[in-house]
Amino acid sequence: MAKYKLKTKSSAKKRFKFTGTGKIKRKKAYLRHILTKKSPGSKRNLRQAGLISDVDSASIKRMMPYR
């Protein structure tokens, strides 16, 4: 019986990384344009990576089967 490989979603592998404990890191939104009206503190906070919520992590793990 042949075993089939699953493909990783290209969009997911570019956007997400896994931590050592299995959580999923992501980049925060709202830091691409119209930055003049945003305060330096808010832009600084957007630089740090965020974590995916538990509700969404199951679908992302399905997109990346070989993490």
PDB file of N, CA and C in Angstrom:
ATOM      1  N   MET A   1       0.843  -1.188   0.000  1.00  0.00           N
ATOM      2  CA  MET A   1       0.000   0.000   0.000  1.00  0.00           C
ATOM      3  C   MET A   1       0.889   1.252   0.000  1.00  0.00           C
ATOM      4  N   ALA A   2       0.627   2.149  -0.917  1.00  0.00           N
ATOM      5  CA  ALA A   2       1.467   3.348  -1.063  1.00  0.00           C
ATOM      6  C   ALA A   2       1.068   4.392  -0.024  1.00  0.00           C
ATOM      7  N   LYS A   3       2.083   5.038   0.540  1.00  0.00           N
ATOM      8  CA  LYS A   3       1.839   6.144   1.475  1.00  0.00           C
ATOM      9  C   LYS A   3       1.991   7.441   0.706  1.00  0.00           C
ATOM     10  N   TYR A   4       1.105   8.375   0.970  1.00  0.00           N
ATOM     11  CA  TYR A   4       1.141   9.651   0.261  1.00  0.00           C
ATOM     12  C   TYR A   4       1.650  10.750   1.170  1.00  0.00           C
ATOM     13  N   LYS A   5       2.444  11.638   0.597  1.00  0.00           N
ATOM     14  CA  LYS A   5       2.932  12.788   1.350  1.00  0.00           C
ATOM     15  C   LYS A   5       1.893  13.893   1.288  1.00  0.00           C
ATOM     16  N   LEU A   6       1.783  14.636   2.358  1.00  0.00           N
ATOM     17  CA  LEU A   6       0.883  15.794   2.393  1.00  0.00           C
ATOM     18  C   LEU A   6       1.676  17.041   2.056  1.00  0.00           C
ATOM     19  N   LYS A   7       1.057  17.933   1.314  1.00  0.00           N
ATOM     20  CA  LYS A   7       1.730  19.174   0.951  1.00  0.00           C
ATOM     21  C   LYS A   7       1.507  20.220   2.028  1.00  0.00           C
ATOM     22  N   THR A   8       2.564  20.985   2.321  1.00  0.00           N
ATOM     23  CA  THR A   8       2.467  22.117   3.226  1.00  0.00           C
ATOM     24  C   THR A   8       1.942  23.305   2.445  1.00  0.00           C
ATOM     25  N   LYS A   9       0.997  24.061   3.035  1.00  0.00           N
ATOM     26  CA  LYS A   9       0.498  25.269   2.389  1.00  0.00           C
ATOM     27  C   LYS A   9       1.615  26.298   2.346  1.00  0.00           C
ATOM     28  N   SER A  10       1.917  26.812   1.152  1.00  0.00           N
ATOM     29  CA  SER A  10       3.002  27.775   0.995  1.00  0.00           C
ATOM     30  C   SER A  10       2.731  29.052   1.766  1.00  0.00           C
ATOM     31  N   SER A  11       1.469  29.478   1.803  1.00  0.00           N
ATOM     32  CA  SER A  11       1.135  30.706   2.523  1.00  0.00           C
ATOM     33  C   SER A  11       1.374  30.544   4.016  1.00  0.00           C
ATOM     34  N   ALA A  12       1.114  29.352   4.546  1.00  0.00           N
ATOM     35  CA  ALA A  12       1.285  29.123   5.977  1.00  0.00           C
ATOM     36  C   ALA A  12       2.752  29.040   6.362  1.00  0.00           C
ATOM     37  N   LYS A  13       3.567  28.397   5.535  1.00  0.00           N
ATOM     38  CA  LYS A  13       4.976  28.255   5.901  1.00  0.00           C
ATOM     39  C   LYS A  13       5.706  29.585   5.850  1.00  0.00           C
ATOM     40  N   LYS A  14       5.206  30.536   5.057  1.00  0.00           N
ATOM     41  CA  LYS A  14       5.808  31.858   5.012  1.00  0.00           C
ATOM     42  C   LYS A  14       5.396  32.719   6.203  1.00  0.00           C
ATOM     43  N   ARG A  15       4.227  32.451   6.778  1.00  0.00           N
ATOM     44  CA  ARG A  15       3.666  33.335   7.794  1.00  0.00           C
ATOM     45  C   ARG A  15       3.855  32.871   9.231  1.00  0.00           C
ATOM     46  N   PHE A  16       4.000  31.579   9.454  1.00  0.00           N
ATOM     47  CA  PHE A  16       3.994  31.050  10.813  1.00  0.00           C
ATOM     48  C   PHE A  16       5.256  30.270  11.117  1.00  0.00           C
ATOM     49  N   LYS A  17       5.652  30.300  12.418  1.00  0.00           N
ATOM     50  CA  LYS A  17       6.765  29.484  12.916  1.00  0.00           C
ATOM     51  C   LYS A  17       6.288  28.821  14.202  1.00  0.00           C
ATOM     52  N   PHE A  18       6.857  27.663  14.501  1.00  0.00           N
ATOM     53  CA  PHE A  18       6.494  26.945  15.712  1.00  0.00           C
ATOM     54  C   PHE A  18       7.519  27.213  16.811  1.00  0.00           C
ATOM     55  N   THR A  19       7.054  27.379  18.047  1.00  0.00           N
ATOM     56  CA  THR A  19       7.949  27.520  19.186  1.00  0.00           C
ATOM     57  C   THR A  19       8.359  26.128  19.649  1.00  0.00           C
ATOM     58  N   GLY A  20       9.240  26.073  20.617  1.00  0.00           N
ATOM     59  CA  GLY A  20       9.688  24.792  21.132  1.00  0.00           C
ATOM     60  C   GLY A  20       8.601  24.012  21.827  1.00  0.00           C
ATOM     61  N   THR A  21       7.630  24.727  22.409  1.00  0.00           N
ATOM     62  CA  THR A  21       6.542  24.048  23.130  1.00  0.00           C
ATOM     63  C   THR A  21       5.368  23.711  22.228  1.00  0.00           C
ATOM     64  N   GLY A  22       5.450  24.053  20.927  1.00  0.00           N
ATOM     65  CA  GLY A  22       4.385  23.693  19.999  1.00  0.00           C
ATOM     66  C   GLY A  22       3.395  24.794  19.720  1.00  0.00           C
ATOM     67  N   LYS A  23       3.573  25.975  20.332  1.00  0.00           N
ATOM     68  CA  LYS A  23       2.698  27.098  20.020  1.00  0.00           C
ATOM     69  C   LYS A  23       3.120  27.685  18.679  1.00  0.00           C
ATOM     70  N   ILE A  24       2.254  28.509  18.097  1.00  0.00           N
ATOM     71  CA  ILE A  24       2.514  29.048  16.768  1.00  0.00           C
ATOM     72  C   ILE A  24       2.707  30.554  16.859  1.00  0.00           C
ATOM     73  N   LYS A  25       3.846  31.022  16.337  1.00  0.00           N
ATOM     74  CA  LYS A  25       4.154  32.452  16.328  1.00  0.00           C
ATOM     75  C   LYS A  25       3.666  33.070  15.024  1.00  0.00           C
ATOM     76  N   ARG A  26       3.314  34.354  15.088  1.00  0.00           N
ATOM     77  CA  ARG A  26       2.887  35.094  13.911  1.00  0.00           C
ATOM     78  C   ARG A  26       3.376  36.522  14.016  1.00  0.00           C
ATOM     79  N   LYS A  27       3.387  37.224  12.894  1.00  0.00           N
ATOM     80  CA  LYS A  27       3.728  38.640  12.885  1.00  0.00           C
ATOM     81  C   LYS A  27       2.450  39.437  13.083  1.00  0.00           C
ATOM     82  N   LYS A  28       2.550  40.543  13.781  1.00  0.00           N
ATOM     83  CA  LYS A  28       1.372  41.360  14.029  1.00  0.00           C
ATOM     84  C   LYS A  28       1.047  42.228  12.818  1.00  0.00           C
ATOM     85  N   ALA A  29      -0.222  42.565  12.674  1.00  0.00           N
ATOM     86  CA  ALA A  29      -0.692  43.358  11.540  1.00  0.00           C
ATOM     87  C   ALA A  29      -0.547  44.856  11.845  1.00  0.00           C
ATOM     88  N   TYR A  30      -0.901  45.692  10.880  1.00  0.00           N
ATOM     89  CA  TYR A  30      -0.952  47.166  10.995  1.00  0.00           C
ATOM     90  C   TYR A  30       0.412  47.821  11.058  1.00  0.00           C
ATOM     91  N   LEU A  31       1.426  47.218  10.467  1.00  0.00           N
ATOM     92  CA  LEU A  31       2.744  47.849  10.479  1.00  0.00           C
ATOM     93  C   LEU A  31       3.286  47.995   9.051  1.00  0.00           C
ATOM     94  N   ARG A  32       2.418  48.019   8.057  1.00  0.00           N
ATOM     95  CA  ARG A  32       2.861  48.070   6.671  1.00  0.00           C
ATOM     96  C   ARG A  32       2.832  49.487   6.094  1.00  0.00           C
ATOM     97  N   HIS A  33       1.777  50.249   6.357  1.00  0.00           N
ATOM     98  CA  HIS A  33       1.680  51.595   5.787  1.00  0.00           C
ATOM     99  C   HIS A  33       0.839  52.463   6.713  1.00  0.00           C
ATOM    100  N   ILE A  34       0.753  53.749   6.387  1.00  0.00           N
ATOM    101  CA  ILE A  34       0.093  54.769   7.213  1.00  0.00           C
ATOM    102  C   ILE A  34       0.673  54.733   8.629  1.00  0.00           C
ATOM    103  N   LEU A  35       2.000  54.859   8.709  1.00  0.00           N
ATOM    104  CA  LEU A  35       2.679  54.763   9.998  1.00  0.00           C
ATOM    105  C   LEU A  35       2.851  56.118  10.665  1.00  0.00           C
ATOM    106  N   THR A  36       2.577  57.218   9.954  1.00  0.00           N
ATOM    107  CA  THR A  36       2.824  58.541  10.527  1.00  0.00           C
ATOM    108  C   THR A  36       1.867  58.853  11.660  1.00  0.00           C
ATOM    109  N   LYS A  37       0.641  58.383  11.569  1.00  0.00           N
ATOM    110  CA  LYS A  37      -0.336  58.689  12.619  1.00  0.00           C
ATOM    111  C   LYS A  37      -0.284  57.719  13.796  1.00  0.00           C
ATOM    112  N   LYS A  38       0.526  56.672  13.697  1.00  0.00           N
ATOM    113  CA  LYS A  38       0.658  55.717  14.803  1.00  0.00           C
ATOM    114  C   LYS A  38       1.788  56.168  15.720  1.00  0.00           C
ATOM    115  N   SER A  39       1.567  56.018  17.005  1.00  0.00           N
ATOM    116  CA  SER A  39       2.567  56.466  17.975  1.00  0.00           C
ATOM    117  C   SER A  39       3.776  55.543  17.963  1.00  0.00           C
ATOM    118  N   PRO A  40       4.945  56.057  18.358  1.00  0.00           N
ATOM    119  CA  PRO A  40       6.136  55.200  18.393  1.00  0.00           C
ATOM    120  C   PRO A  40       5.966  53.990  19.297  1.00  0.00           C
ATOM    121  N   GLY A  41       5.247  54.157  20.393  1.00  0.00           N
ATOM    122  CA  GLY A  41       5.038  53.030  21.309  1.00  0.00           C
ATOM    123  C   GLY A  41       4.205  51.931  20.695  1.00  0.00           C
ATOM    124  N   SER A  42       3.168  52.316  19.964  1.00  0.00           N
ATOM    125  CA  SER A  42       2.329  51.287  19.336  1.00  0.00           C
ATOM    126  C   SER A  42       3.088  50.569  18.231  1.00  0.00           C
ATOM    127  N   LYS A  43       3.915  51.304  17.476  1.00  0.00           N
ATOM    128  CA  LYS A  43       4.722  50.661  16.434  1.00  0.00           C
ATOM    129  C   LYS A  43       5.759  49.724  17.049  1.00  0.00           C
ATOM    130  N   ARG A  44       6.291  50.100  18.186  1.00  0.00           N
ATOM    131  CA  ARG A  44       7.268  49.257  18.876  1.00  0.00           C
ATOM    132  C   ARG A  44       6.608  47.966  19.355  1.00  0.00           C
ATOM    133  N   ASN A  45       5.382  48.067  19.867  1.00  0.00           N
ATOM    134  CA  ASN A  45       4.674  46.871  20.331  1.00  0.00           C
ATOM    135  C   ASN A  45       4.300  45.945  19.175  1.00  0.00           C
ATOM    136  N   LEU A  46       4.061  46.528  17.995  1.00  0.00           N
ATOM    137  CA  LEU A  46       3.708  45.699  16.841  1.00  0.00           C
ATOM    138  C   LEU A  46       4.900  44.920  16.300  1.00  0.00           C
ATOM    139  N   ARG A  47       6.119  45.318  16.683  1.00  0.00           N
ATOM    140  CA  ARG A  47       7.307  44.604  16.208  1.00  0.00           C
ATOM    141  C   ARG A  47       7.441  43.221  16.840  1.00  0.00           C
ATOM    142  N   GLN A  48       6.975  43.064  18.066  1.00  0.00           N
ATOM    143  CA  GLN A  48       7.102  41.768  18.731  1.00  0.00           C
ATOM    144  C   GLN A  48       6.161  40.748  18.089  1.00  0.00           C
ATOM    145  N   ALA A  49       6.571  39.508  18.116  1.00  0.00           N
ATOM    146  CA  ALA A  49       5.751  38.443  17.540  1.00  0.00           C
ATOM    147  C   ALA A  49       4.558  38.167  18.441  1.00  0.00           C
ATOM    148  N   GLY A  50       3.446  37.796  17.828  1.00  0.00           N
ATOM    149  CA  GLY A  50       2.265  37.400  18.573  1.00  0.00           C
ATOM    150  C   GLY A  50       2.102  35.899  18.499  1.00  0.00           C
ATOM    151  N   LEU A  51       1.162  35.381  19.274  1.00  0.00           N
ATOM    152  CA  LEU A  51       0.868  33.950  19.261  1.00  0.00           C
ATOM    153  C   LEU A  51      -0.527  33.725  18.696  1.00  0.00           C
ATOM    154  N   ILE A  52      -0.703  32.619  18.021  1.00  0.00           N
ATOM    155  CA  ILE A  52      -2.004  32.240  17.488  1.00  0.00           C
ATOM    156  C   ILE A  52      -2.857  31.697  18.631  1.00  0.00           C
ATOM    157  N   SER A  53      -4.149  32.018  18.600  1.00  0.00           N
ATOM    158  CA  SER A  53      -5.037  31.510  19.643  1.00  0.00           C
ATOM    159  C   SER A  53      -5.241  30.005  19.468  1.00  0.00           C
ATOM    160  N   ASP A  54      -5.680  29.359  20.534  1.00  0.00           N
ATOM    161  CA  ASP A  54      -5.876  27.907  20.506  1.00  0.00           C
ATOM    162  C   ASP A  54      -6.952  27.502  19.506  1.00  0.00           C
ATOM    163  N   VAL A  55      -7.931  28.381  19.291  1.00  0.00           N
ATOM    164  CA  VAL A  55      -9.024  28.074  18.365  1.00  0.00           C
ATOM    165  C   VAL A  55      -8.492  27.931  16.939  1.00  0.00           C
ATOM    166  N   ASP A  56      -7.553  28.808  16.546  1.00  0.00           N
ATOM    167  CA  ASP A  56      -7.041  28.807  15.179  1.00  0.00           C
ATOM    168  C   ASP A  56      -5.860  27.866  14.983  1.00  0.00           C
ATOM    169  N   SER A  57      -5.235  27.427  16.064  1.00  0.00           N
ATOM    170  CA  SER A  57      -4.007  26.646  15.923  1.00  0.00           C
ATOM    171  C   SER A  57      -4.260  25.287  15.271  1.00  0.00           C
ATOM    172  N   ALA A  58      -5.433  24.714  15.462  1.00  0.00           N
ATOM    173  CA  ALA A  58      -5.713  23.403  14.868  1.00  0.00           C
ATOM    174  C   ALA A  58      -5.724  23.478  13.350  1.00  0.00           C
ATOM    175  N   SER A  59      -6.309  24.537  12.788  1.00  0.00           N
ATOM    176  CA  SER A  59      -6.361  24.648  11.330  1.00  0.00           C
ATOM    177  C   SER A  59      -4.979  24.932  10.748  1.00  0.00           C
ATOM    178  N   ILE A  60      -4.150  25.689  11.484  1.00  0.00           N
ATOM    179  CA  ILE A  60      -2.805  25.987  10.989  1.00  0.00           C
ATOM    180  C   ILE A  60      -1.929  24.747  11.068  1.00  0.00           C
ATOM    181  N   LYS A  61      -2.096  23.947  12.103  1.00  0.00           N
ATOM    182  CA  LYS A  61      -1.334  22.702  12.206  1.00  0.00           C
ATOM    183  C   LYS A  61      -1.709  21.735  11.087  1.00  0.00           C
ATOM    184  N   ARG A  62      -2.956  21.802  10.625  1.00  0.00           N
ATOM    185  CA  ARG A  62      -3.371  20.983   9.499  1.00  0.00           C
ATOM    186  C   ARG A  62      -2.701  21.451   8.206  1.00  0.00           C
ATOM    187  N   MET A  63      -2.465  22.775   8.105  1.00  0.00           N
ATOM    188  CA  MET A  63      -1.809  23.313   6.908  1.00  0.00           C
ATOM    189  C   MET A  63      -0.319  22.983   6.875  1.00  0.00           C
ATOM    190  N   MET A  64       0.274  22.729   8.049  1.00  0.00           N
ATOM    191  CA  MET A  64       1.714  22.458   8.140  1.00  0.00           C
ATOM    192  C   MET A  64       1.916  21.090   8.787  1.00  0.00           C
ATOM    193  N   PRO A  65       1.756  20.006   8.032  1.00  0.00           N
ATOM    194  CA  PRO A  65       1.783  18.676   8.644  1.00  0.00           C
ATOM    195  C   PRO A  65       3.160  18.237   9.132  1.00  0.00           C
ATOM    196  N   TYR A  66       4.251  18.785   8.583  1.00  0.00           N
ATOM    197  CA  TYR A  66       5.594  18.344   8.962  1.00  0.00           C
ATOM    198  C   TYR A  66       6.340  19.452   9.692  1.00  0.00           C
ATOM    199  N   ARG A  67       5.804  19.917  10.779  1.00  0.00           N
ATOM    200  CA  ARG A  67       6.402  21.054  11.505  1.00  0.00           C
ATOM    201  C   ARG A  67       7.682  20.683  12.219  1.00  0.00           C
TER     202      ARG A  67
END
